[in-house]
Amino acid sequence: MHLTKLCVALVSLSVLASANNVLAEDWEYSLSAGMANMPRYSGSNERVTTPVLGGEIISPWGIFLNTEQGLGWRHEWDKASFSAYVGPSDERKDKKSSSHAGSNRLKGMGDIKSRAQFGITGSYDLGPLVLGATLEHALEEDDHNDAGKAFTSLELNVGTNLYEGHYGTLDLSLNTLFGDNNYMQTWYGVTPGQASQSRFQAYDTKGGLVSTGLNLTWAVPISENTKFSTLLDVQYLSKEAGDSPIVERRLQSAVVGKLEYTF
């Protein structure tokens, strides 16, 4: 549903942009399509292969709209960048769905519904290393719902380029994710109410380290406007998250391959 709304917004913004012939060459557009193989939810032992579709429009003033973050503003300096955005948060169902975010094993846990989310992200280029941070806050969806509380997360990462040449570019990023009490309870906790309706025992969590991991991205240019990229994402859940009764495997991995066209 959120992807459909964003795609409609992308088309609408594209129409507005094309109407302005003077600034048309300053707008940037990109579309991507591919496949992903990943766990059905964070901590799951089940896997699913699903299509991945995306798009982005960037205006001459730094305003952007994409299917990953939503609507926002981005500015880049010589060695630094900053962006702020609002969009939909992640979601999870307590039954198997067409997307990866759900499993029949979670029956009785209730759905974690998507809600409005605000985020800021920044990076600084130190030469061989790029430091980055992303802070996100999802608004309260329903204070009477076990999975409806507002929650906040912080991701810190450091990246570097391992290879750049005839065969494309290979980049490595190490990351650490932290979450507040509500974040941990939403995604890994089991309240007494959830325990009474599911197969799991009650589990009360505390805020702190969620996971550590790495991303390995290989991007190969096919033409001037087209490239193919492959992403390997590996995450290891912390003890607080890993001890949750809903977690079957602490080591999580995902593989994504996609074709991106920029115009």
C-alpha atoms as a PDB file:
ATOM      1  CA  MET A   1       0.000   0.000   0.000  1.00  0.00           C
ATOM      2  CA  HIS A   2       2.752   2.452   0.948  1.00  0.00           C
ATOM      3  CA  LEU A   3       4.733   1.492  -2.156  1.00  0.00           C
ATOM      4  CA  THR A   4       1.672   2.182  -4.313  1.00  0.00           C
ATOM      5  CA  LYS A   5       1.135   5.601  -2.724  1.00  0.00           C
ATOM      6  CA  LEU A   6       4.768   6.529  -3.192  1.00  0.00           C
ATOM      7  CA  CYS A   7       4.745   5.374  -6.809  1.00  0.00           C
ATOM      8  CA  VAL A   8       1.670   7.539  -7.464  1.00  0.00           C
ATOM      9  CA  ALA A   9       3.434  10.470  -5.814  1.00  0.00           C
ATOM     10  CA  LEU A  10       6.536   9.825  -7.910  1.00  0.00           C
ATOM     11  CA  VAL A  11       4.502   9.910 -11.104  1.00  0.00           C
ATOM     12  CA  SER A  12       2.728  13.102 -10.001  1.00  0.00           C
ATOM     13  CA  LEU A  13       5.986  14.829  -9.138  1.00  0.00           C
ATOM     14  CA  SER A  14       7.447  13.686 -12.454  1.00  0.00           C
ATOM     15  CA  VAL A  15       4.567  15.301 -14.336  1.00  0.00           C
ATOM     16  CA  LEU A  16       5.098  18.580 -12.475  1.00  0.00           C
ATOM     17  CA  ALA A  17       8.806  18.463 -13.206  1.00  0.00           C
ATOM     18  CA  SER A  18       8.328  17.845 -16.929  1.00  0.00           C
ATOM     19  CA  ALA A  19       6.055  20.885 -17.095  1.00  0.00           C
ATOM     20  CA  ASN A  20       8.975  23.118 -16.209  1.00  0.00           C
ATOM     21  CA  ASN A  21      11.239  22.988 -19.277  1.00  0.00           C
ATOM     22  CA  VAL A  22      13.704  25.462 -17.852  1.00  0.00           C
ATOM     23  CA  LEU A  23      14.675  23.282 -14.893  1.00  0.00           C
ATOM     24  CA  ALA A  24      14.020  19.895 -16.495  1.00  0.00           C
ATOM     25  CA  GLU A  25      17.718  19.127 -16.982  1.00  0.00           C
ATOM     26  CA  ASP A  26      18.370  19.738 -13.262  1.00  0.00           C
ATOM     27  CA  TRP A  27      15.963  17.078 -12.030  1.00  0.00           C
ATOM     28  CA  GLU A  28      17.264  13.570 -11.385  1.00  0.00           C
ATOM     29  CA  TYR A  29      15.167  10.435 -11.786  1.00  0.00           C
ATOM     30  CA  SER A  30      15.946   6.787 -11.117  1.00  0.00           C
ATOM     31  CA  LEU A  31      14.053   3.509 -11.272  1.00  0.00           C
ATOM     32  CA  SER A  32      15.197   0.142  -9.952  1.00  0.00           C
ATOM     33  CA  ALA A  33      13.915  -3.419 -10.063  1.00  0.00           C
ATOM     34  CA  GLY A  34      15.306  -6.681  -8.759  1.00  0.00           C
ATOM     35  CA  MET A  35      14.917  -9.600  -6.367  1.00  0.00           C
ATOM     36  CA  ALA A  36      15.762 -10.118  -2.705  1.00  0.00           C
ATOM     37  CA  ASN A  37      16.178 -13.215  -0.563  1.00  0.00           C
ATOM     38  CA  MET A  38      15.882 -12.517   3.172  1.00  0.00           C
ATOM     39  CA  PRO A  39      14.432 -13.726   6.502  1.00  0.00           C
ATOM     40  CA  ARG A  40      10.667 -13.389   6.897  1.00  0.00           C
ATOM     41  CA  TYR A  41      11.281 -11.175   9.931  1.00  0.00           C
ATOM     42  CA  SER A  42      14.250 -10.171  12.062  1.00  0.00           C
ATOM     43  CA  GLY A  43      15.281 -13.318  13.923  1.00  0.00           C
ATOM     44  CA  SER A  44      13.382 -15.721  11.661  1.00  0.00           C
ATOM     45  CA  ASN A  45      14.759 -19.014  10.416  1.00  0.00           C
ATOM     46  CA  GLU A  46      12.388 -18.903   7.431  1.00  0.00           C
ATOM     47  CA  ARG A  47      13.381 -17.176   4.208  1.00  0.00           C
ATOM     48  CA  VAL A  48      11.469 -15.629   1.336  1.00  0.00           C
ATOM     49  CA  THR A  49      12.349 -14.435  -2.157  1.00  0.00           C
ATOM     50  CA  THR A  50      10.472 -11.305  -3.169  1.00  0.00           C
ATOM     51  CA  PRO A  51      10.586  -8.631  -5.901  1.00  0.00           C
ATOM     52  CA  VAL A  52      12.211  -5.309  -5.047  1.00  0.00           C
ATOM     53  CA  LEU A  53      10.940  -2.196  -6.830  1.00  0.00           C
ATOM     54  CA  GLY A  54      12.067   1.350  -6.207  1.00  0.00           C
ATOM     55  CA  GLY A  55      12.217   4.854  -7.564  1.00  0.00           C
ATOM     56  CA  GLU A  56      13.494   8.304  -6.685  1.00  0.00           C
ATOM     57  CA  ILE A  57      13.073  11.876  -7.858  1.00  0.00           C
ATOM     58  CA  ILE A  58      15.499  14.616  -6.760  1.00  0.00           C
ATOM     59  CA  SER A  59      14.674  18.263  -7.414  1.00  0.00           C
ATOM     60  CA  PRO A  60      17.225  21.030  -8.105  1.00  0.00           C
ATOM     61  CA  TRP A  61      16.633  22.301  -4.557  1.00  0.00           C
ATOM     62  CA  GLY A  62      17.559  19.033  -2.834  1.00  0.00           C
ATOM     63  CA  ILE A  63      13.968  17.931  -2.183  1.00  0.00           C
ATOM     64  CA  PHE A  64      13.586  14.215  -2.886  1.00  0.00           C
ATOM     65  CA  LEU A  65      10.887  11.571  -2.955  1.00  0.00           C
ATOM     66  CA  ASN A  66      11.764   7.893  -2.943  1.00  0.00           C
ATOM     67  CA  THR A  67      10.366   4.502  -2.031  1.00  0.00           C
ATOM     68  CA  GLU A  68      12.926   3.870   0.721  1.00  0.00           C
ATOM     69  CA  GLN A  69      12.744   6.963   2.932  1.00  0.00           C
ATOM     70  CA  GLY A  70       9.740   8.935   1.669  1.00  0.00           C
ATOM     71  CA  LEU A  71       9.685  12.714   1.216  1.00  0.00           C
ATOM     72  CA  GLY A  72      12.672  14.729   2.363  1.00  0.00           C
ATOM     73  CA  TRP A  73      15.456  17.229   1.764  1.00  0.00           C
ATOM     74  CA  ARG A  74      19.140  16.513   1.159  1.00  0.00           C
ATOM     75  CA  HIS A  75      22.190  18.752   0.958  1.00  0.00           C
ATOM     76  CA  GLU A  76      25.764  17.835   0.124  1.00  0.00           C
ATOM     77  CA  TRP A  77      28.950  19.737   0.849  1.00  0.00           C
ATOM     78  CA  ASP A  78      32.491  18.898  -0.231  1.00  0.00           C
ATOM     79  CA  LYS A  79      32.956  16.080   2.277  1.00  0.00           C
ATOM     80  CA  ALA A  80      29.676  15.968   4.189  1.00  0.00           C
ATOM     81  CA  SER A  81      26.004  15.341   3.529  1.00  0.00           C
ATOM     82  CA  PHE A  82      22.776  15.724   5.501  1.00  0.00           C
ATOM     83  CA  SER A  83      19.167  14.751   4.880  1.00  0.00           C
ATOM     84  CA  ALA A  84      15.870  14.854   6.746  1.00  0.00           C
ATOM     85  CA  TYR A  85      12.769  12.937   5.706  1.00  0.00           C
ATOM     86  CA  VAL A  86       9.339  11.639   6.641  1.00  0.00           C
ATOM     87  CA  GLY A  87       7.878   8.386   5.401  1.00  0.00           C
ATOM     88  CA  PRO A  88       6.323   5.071   6.454  1.00  0.00           C
ATOM     89  CA  SER A  89       8.045   2.870   9.045  1.00  0.00           C
ATOM     90  CA  ASP A  90       8.608  -0.865   8.672  1.00  0.00           C
ATOM     91  CA  GLU A  91       5.816  -3.294   9.455  1.00  0.00           C
ATOM     92  CA  ARG A  92       5.415  -6.963  10.418  1.00  0.00           C
ATOM     93  CA  LYS A  93       2.457  -9.335  10.198  1.00  0.00           C
ATOM     94  CA  ASP A  94       1.688 -12.304  12.437  1.00  0.00           C
ATOM     95  CA  LYS A  95       0.950 -14.465   9.411  1.00  0.00           C
ATOM     96  CA  LYS A  96       2.742 -15.344   6.209  1.00  0.00           C
ATOM     97  CA  SER A  97       2.300 -12.660   3.561  1.00  0.00           C
ATOM     98  CA  SER A  98       3.472 -11.902   0.043  1.00  0.00           C
ATOM     99  CA  SER A  99       6.232  -9.741   1.504  1.00  0.00           C
ATOM    100  CA  HIS A 100       9.043 -10.876   3.796  1.00  0.00           C
ATOM    101  CA  ALA A 101       7.655  -9.103   6.873  1.00  0.00           C
ATOM    102  CA  GLY A 102       5.466 -11.823   8.345  1.00  0.00           C
ATOM    103  CA  SER A 103       5.258 -15.462   9.423  1.00  0.00           C
ATOM    104  CA  ASN A 104       2.627 -17.938  10.622  1.00  0.00           C
ATOM    105  CA  ARG A 105       4.962 -18.673  13.533  1.00  0.00           C
ATOM    106  CA  LEU A 106       4.030 -15.251  14.965  1.00  0.00           C
ATOM    107  CA  LYS A 107       0.313 -16.042  15.101  1.00  0.00           C
ATOM    108  CA  GLY A 108      -1.249 -14.274  18.066  1.00  0.00           C
ATOM    109  CA  MET A 109       1.517 -11.657  18.345  1.00  0.00           C
ATOM    110  CA  GLY A 110      -0.536  -9.116  16.403  1.00  0.00           C
ATOM    111  CA  ASP A 111       0.598  -6.992  13.483  1.00  0.00           C
ATOM    112  CA  ILE A 112       3.190  -4.264  13.823  1.00  0.00           C
ATOM    113  CA  LYS A 113       1.534  -1.625  11.672  1.00  0.00           C
ATOM    114  CA  SER A 114       3.417   0.923   9.629  1.00  0.00           C
ATOM    115  CA  ARG A 115       3.127   4.483  10.856  1.00  0.00           C
ATOM    116  CA  ALA A 116       4.633   7.891  10.064  1.00  0.00           C
ATOM    117  CA  GLN A 117       8.364   7.993  10.685  1.00  0.00           C
ATOM    118  CA  PHE A 118      10.773  10.931  10.838  1.00  0.00           C
ATOM    119  CA  GLY A 119      14.449  10.504  10.135  1.00  0.00           C
ATOM    120  CA  ILE A 120      17.719  12.404   9.797  1.00  0.00           C
ATOM    121  CA  THR A 121      20.917  11.030   8.336  1.00  0.00           C
ATOM    122  CA  GLY A 122      24.383  12.452   7.857  1.00  0.00           C
ATOM    123  CA  SER A 123      27.803  11.389   6.633  1.00  0.00           C
ATOM    124  CA  TYR A 124      31.365  12.708   6.581  1.00  0.00           C
ATOM    125  CA  ASP A 125      34.124  11.648   4.193  1.00  0.00           C
ATOM    126  CA  LEU A 126      37.488  11.188   5.902  1.00  0.00           C
ATOM    127  CA  GLY A 127      39.214   9.983   2.737  1.00  0.00           C
ATOM    128  CA  PRO A 128      39.661   6.225   3.103  1.00  0.00           C
ATOM    129  CA  LEU A 129      36.641   6.030   5.425  1.00  0.00           C
ATOM    130  CA  VAL A 130      33.137   7.497   5.394  1.00  0.00           C
ATOM    131  CA  LEU A 131      31.373   7.922   8.747  1.00  0.00           C
ATOM    132  CA  GLY A 132      27.577   7.932   8.850  1.00  0.00           C
ATOM    133  CA  ALA A 133      24.648   8.047  11.261  1.00  0.00           C
ATOM    134  CA  THR A 134      20.875   7.662  10.883  1.00  0.00           C
ATOM    135  CA  LEU A 135      18.340   8.559  13.581  1.00  0.00           C
ATOM    136  CA  GLU A 136      14.693   7.516  13.054  1.00  0.00           C
ATOM    137  CA  HIS A 137      11.595   8.025  15.197  1.00  0.00           C
ATOM    138  CA  ALA A 138       8.309   6.267  14.425  1.00  0.00           C
ATOM    139  CA  LEU A 139       5.167   7.863  15.839  1.00  0.00           C
ATOM    140  CA  GLU A 140       2.696   6.103  18.103  1.00  0.00           C
ATOM    141  CA  GLU A 141       0.166   4.045  16.158  1.00  0.00           C
ATOM    142  CA  ASP A 142      -2.073   2.930  19.052  1.00  0.00           C
ATOM    143  CA  ASP A 143      -1.130   3.312  22.726  1.00  0.00           C
ATOM    144  CA  HIS A 144      -3.478   0.451  23.648  1.00  0.00           C
ATOM    145  CA  ASN A 145      -1.841  -1.911  21.161  1.00  0.00           C
ATOM    146  CA  ASP A 146       1.097  -4.042  22.328  1.00  0.00           C
ATOM    147  CA  ALA A 147       2.939  -3.182  19.121  1.00  0.00           C
ATOM    148  CA  GLY A 148       1.644   0.369  18.654  1.00  0.00           C
ATOM    149  CA  LYS A 149       4.059   2.402  20.783  1.00  0.00           C
ATOM    150  CA  ALA A 150       6.335   5.095  19.355  1.00  0.00           C
ATOM    151  CA  PHE A 151       9.942   3.948  19.014  1.00  0.00           C
ATOM    152  CA  THR A 152      13.368   5.345  18.141  1.00  0.00           C
ATOM    153  CA  SER A 153      16.475   3.807  16.575  1.00  0.00           C
ATOM    154  CA  LEU A 154      20.015   4.966  15.835  1.00  0.00           C
ATOM    155  CA  GLU A 155      22.354   3.368  13.300  1.00  0.00           C
ATOM    156  CA  LEU A 156      26.069   4.175  13.151  1.00  0.00           C
ATOM    157  CA  ASN A 157      28.197   3.034  10.243  1.00  0.00           C
ATOM    158  CA  VAL A 158      31.652   3.329   8.740  1.00  0.00           C
ATOM    159  CA  GLY A 159      32.278   2.512   5.098  1.00  0.00           C
ATOM    160  CA  THR A 160      35.172   2.200   2.690  1.00  0.00           C
ATOM    161  CA  ASN A 161      35.810   1.402  -0.951  1.00  0.00           C
ATOM    162  CA  LEU A 162      37.607  -1.909  -1.463  1.00  0.00           C
ATOM    163  CA  TYR A 163      37.862  -1.839  -5.249  1.00  0.00           C
ATOM    164  CA  GLU A 164      37.139   0.491  -8.161  1.00  0.00           C
ATOM    165  CA  GLY A 165      38.043  -0.418 -11.705  1.00  0.00           C
ATOM    166  CA  HIS A 166      36.972  -2.102 -14.914  1.00  0.00           C
ATOM    167  CA  TYR A 167      34.674  -4.508 -13.055  1.00  0.00           C
ATOM    168  CA  GLY A 168      32.795  -1.788 -11.170  1.00  0.00           C
ATOM    169  CA  THR A 169      33.073  -0.832  -7.505  1.00  0.00           C
ATOM    170  CA  LEU A 170      33.105  -2.896  -4.322  1.00  0.00           C
ATOM    171  CA  ASP A 171      32.151  -1.114  -1.082  1.00  0.00           C
ATOM    172  CA  LEU A 172      32.144  -2.363   2.505  1.00  0.00           C
ATOM    173  CA  SER A 173      30.160  -0.852   5.383  1.00  0.00           C
ATOM    174  CA  LEU A 174      30.211  -1.875   9.052  1.00  0.00           C
ATOM    175  CA  ASN A 175      27.157  -0.868  11.070  1.00  0.00           C
ATOM    176  CA  THR A 176      25.728  -0.932  14.580  1.00  0.00           C
ATOM    177  CA  LEU A 177      22.038  -0.484  15.413  1.00  0.00           C
ATOM    178  CA  PHE A 178      20.659   0.783  18.740  1.00  0.00           C
ATOM    179  CA  GLY A 179      17.034   1.008  19.833  1.00  0.00           C
ATOM    180  CA  ASP A 180      15.134   2.465  22.779  1.00  0.00           C
ATOM    181  CA  ASN A 181      12.910   0.397  25.102  1.00  0.00           C
ATOM    182  CA  ASN A 182       9.871   0.671  22.838  1.00  0.00           C
ATOM    183  CA  TYR A 183      11.882  -0.313  19.763  1.00  0.00           C
ATOM    184  CA  MET A 184      13.196  -3.462  21.428  1.00  0.00           C
ATOM    185  CA  GLN A 185       9.805  -4.344  22.905  1.00  0.00           C
ATOM    186  CA  THR A 186       8.010  -3.782  19.596  1.00  0.00           C
ATOM    187  CA  TRP A 187      10.265  -5.979  17.476  1.00  0.00           C
ATOM    188  CA  TYR A 188      11.627  -8.529  19.979  1.00  0.00           C
ATOM    189  CA  GLY A 189       9.538  -8.378  23.159  1.00  0.00           C
ATOM    190  CA  VAL A 190       6.519 -10.483  24.125  1.00  0.00           C
ATOM    191  CA  THR A 191       3.982  -8.810  26.417  1.00  0.00           C
ATOM    192  CA  PRO A 192       1.745 -10.844  28.758  1.00  0.00           C
ATOM    193  CA  GLY A 193      -1.140 -10.157  26.374  1.00  0.00           C
ATOM    194  CA  GLN A 194       0.806 -11.456  23.394  1.00  0.00           C
ATOM    195  CA  ALA A 195       1.976 -14.472  25.404  1.00  0.00           C
ATOM    196  CA  SER A 196      -1.609 -15.434  26.233  1.00  0.00           C
ATOM    197  CA  GLN A 197      -2.515 -15.509  22.528  1.00  0.00           C
ATOM    198  CA  SER A 198       0.637 -16.992  21.034  1.00  0.00           C
ATOM    199  CA  ARG A 199       3.087 -19.856  21.502  1.00  0.00           C
ATOM    200  CA  PHE A 200       5.671 -17.643  23.207  1.00  0.00           C
ATOM    201  CA  GLN A 201       6.420 -16.920  26.842  1.00  0.00           C
ATOM    202  CA  ALA A 202       6.409 -13.307  28.004  1.00  0.00           C
ATOM    203  CA  TYR A 203       9.711 -11.530  27.411  1.00  0.00           C
ATOM    204  CA  ASP A 204      10.472  -8.011  28.642  1.00  0.00           C
ATOM    205  CA  THR A 205      13.283  -6.189  26.855  1.00  0.00           C
ATOM    206  CA  LYS A 206      15.526  -3.217  27.557  1.00  0.00           C
ATOM    207  CA  GLY A 207      16.792  -0.575  25.177  1.00  0.00           C
ATOM    208  CA  GLY A 208      20.333  -0.713  23.882  1.00  0.00           C
ATOM    209  CA  LEU A 209      22.308  -2.566  21.233  1.00  0.00           C
ATOM    210  CA  VAL A 210      20.116  -4.328  18.673  1.00  0.00           C
ATOM    211  CA  SER A 211      22.611  -5.723  16.177  1.00  0.00           C
ATOM    212  CA  THR A 212      26.010  -5.352  14.534  1.00  0.00           C
ATOM    213  CA  GLY A 213      26.812  -6.293  10.987  1.00  0.00           C
ATOM    214  CA  LEU A 214      28.178  -5.458   7.575  1.00  0.00           C
ATOM    215  CA  ASN A 215      27.033  -4.605   4.064  1.00  0.00           C
ATOM    216  CA  LEU A 216      29.002  -5.567   0.967  1.00  0.00           C
ATOM    217  CA  THR A 217      27.897  -3.874  -2.262  1.00  0.00           C
ATOM    218  CA  TRP A 218      29.196  -4.623  -5.750  1.00  0.00           C
ATOM    219  CA  ALA A 219      27.992  -2.236  -8.478  1.00  0.00           C
ATOM    220  CA  VAL A 220      28.734  -2.873 -12.155  1.00  0.00           C
ATOM    221  CA  PRO A 221      28.006  -0.206 -14.816  1.00  0.00           C
ATOM    222  CA  ILE A 222      26.200  -1.563 -17.865  1.00  0.00           C
ATOM    223  CA  SER A 223      25.829   1.709 -19.744  1.00  0.00           C
ATOM    224  CA  GLU A 224      26.073   5.417 -19.015  1.00  0.00           C
ATOM    225  CA  ASN A 225      22.687   5.420 -17.265  1.00  0.00           C
ATOM    226  CA  THR A 226      22.321   1.805 -16.163  1.00  0.00           C
ATOM    227  CA  LYS A 227      24.051  -0.258 -13.497  1.00  0.00           C
ATOM    228  CA  PHE A 228      23.552  -3.609 -11.790  1.00  0.00           C
ATOM    229  CA  SER A 229      24.282  -3.934  -8.079  1.00  0.00           C
ATOM    230  CA  THR A 230      24.387  -6.825  -5.645  1.00  0.00           C
ATOM    231  CA  LEU A 231      24.087  -6.323  -1.895  1.00  0.00           C
ATOM    232  CA  LEU A 232      25.031  -8.819   0.814  1.00  0.00           C
ATOM    233  CA  ASP A 233      23.746  -7.794   4.241  1.00  0.00           C
ATOM    234  CA  VAL A 234      24.788  -9.762   7.346  1.00  0.00           C
ATOM    235  CA  GLN A 235      23.564  -8.864  10.852  1.00  0.00           C
ATOM    236  CA  TYR A 236      24.168 -10.503  14.244  1.00  0.00           C
ATOM    237  CA  LEU A 237      21.523  -9.809  16.870  1.00  0.00           C
ATOM    238  CA  SER A 238      22.646  -8.713  20.325  1.00  0.00           C
ATOM    239  CA  LYS A 239      21.989 -10.833  23.412  1.00  0.00           C
ATOM    240  CA  GLU A 240      18.990  -8.687  24.379  1.00  0.00           C
ATOM    241  CA  ALA A 241      17.340  -9.238  21.002  1.00  0.00           C
ATOM    242  CA  GLY A 242      18.750 -12.727  20.441  1.00  0.00           C
ATOM    243  CA  ASP A 243      17.329 -14.096  23.698  1.00  0.00           C
ATOM    244  CA  SER A 244      13.787 -13.242  22.561  1.00  0.00           C
ATOM    245  CA  PRO A 245      11.585 -16.350  22.205  1.00  0.00           C
ATOM    246  CA  ILE A 246      10.562 -15.206  18.714  1.00  0.00           C
ATOM    247  CA  VAL A 247      14.197 -15.307  17.524  1.00  0.00           C
ATOM    248  CA  GLU A 248      15.213 -18.606  15.934  1.00  0.00           C
ATOM    249  CA  ARG A 249      18.559 -17.469  14.544  1.00  0.00           C
ATOM    250  CA  ARG A 250      20.737 -14.587  15.720  1.00  0.00           C
ATOM    251  CA  LEU A 251      22.811 -14.476  12.516  1.00  0.00           C
ATOM    252  CA  GLN A 252      20.664 -12.908   9.801  1.00  0.00           C
ATOM    253  CA  SER A 253      21.583 -12.485   6.141  1.00  0.00           C
ATOM    254  CA  ALA A 254      19.984 -11.021   3.039  1.00  0.00           C
ATOM    255  CA  VAL A 255      20.985 -10.890  -0.624  1.00  0.00           C
ATOM    256  CA  VAL A 256      19.614  -8.288  -3.038  1.00  0.00           C
ATOM    257  CA  GLY A 257      20.251  -7.948  -6.760  1.00  0.00           C
ATOM    258  CA  LYS A 258      18.782  -5.045  -8.720  1.00  0.00           C
ATOM    259  CA  LEU A 259      19.051  -3.134 -11.977  1.00  0.00           C
ATOM    260  CA  GLU A 260      18.968   0.667 -11.711  1.00  0.00           C
ATOM    261  CA  TYR A 261      18.307   3.150 -14.504  1.00  0.00           C
ATOM    262  CA  THR A 262      18.989   6.874 -14.022  1.00  0.00           C
ATOM    263  CA  PHE A 263      17.744   9.596 -16.347  1.00  0.00           C
END
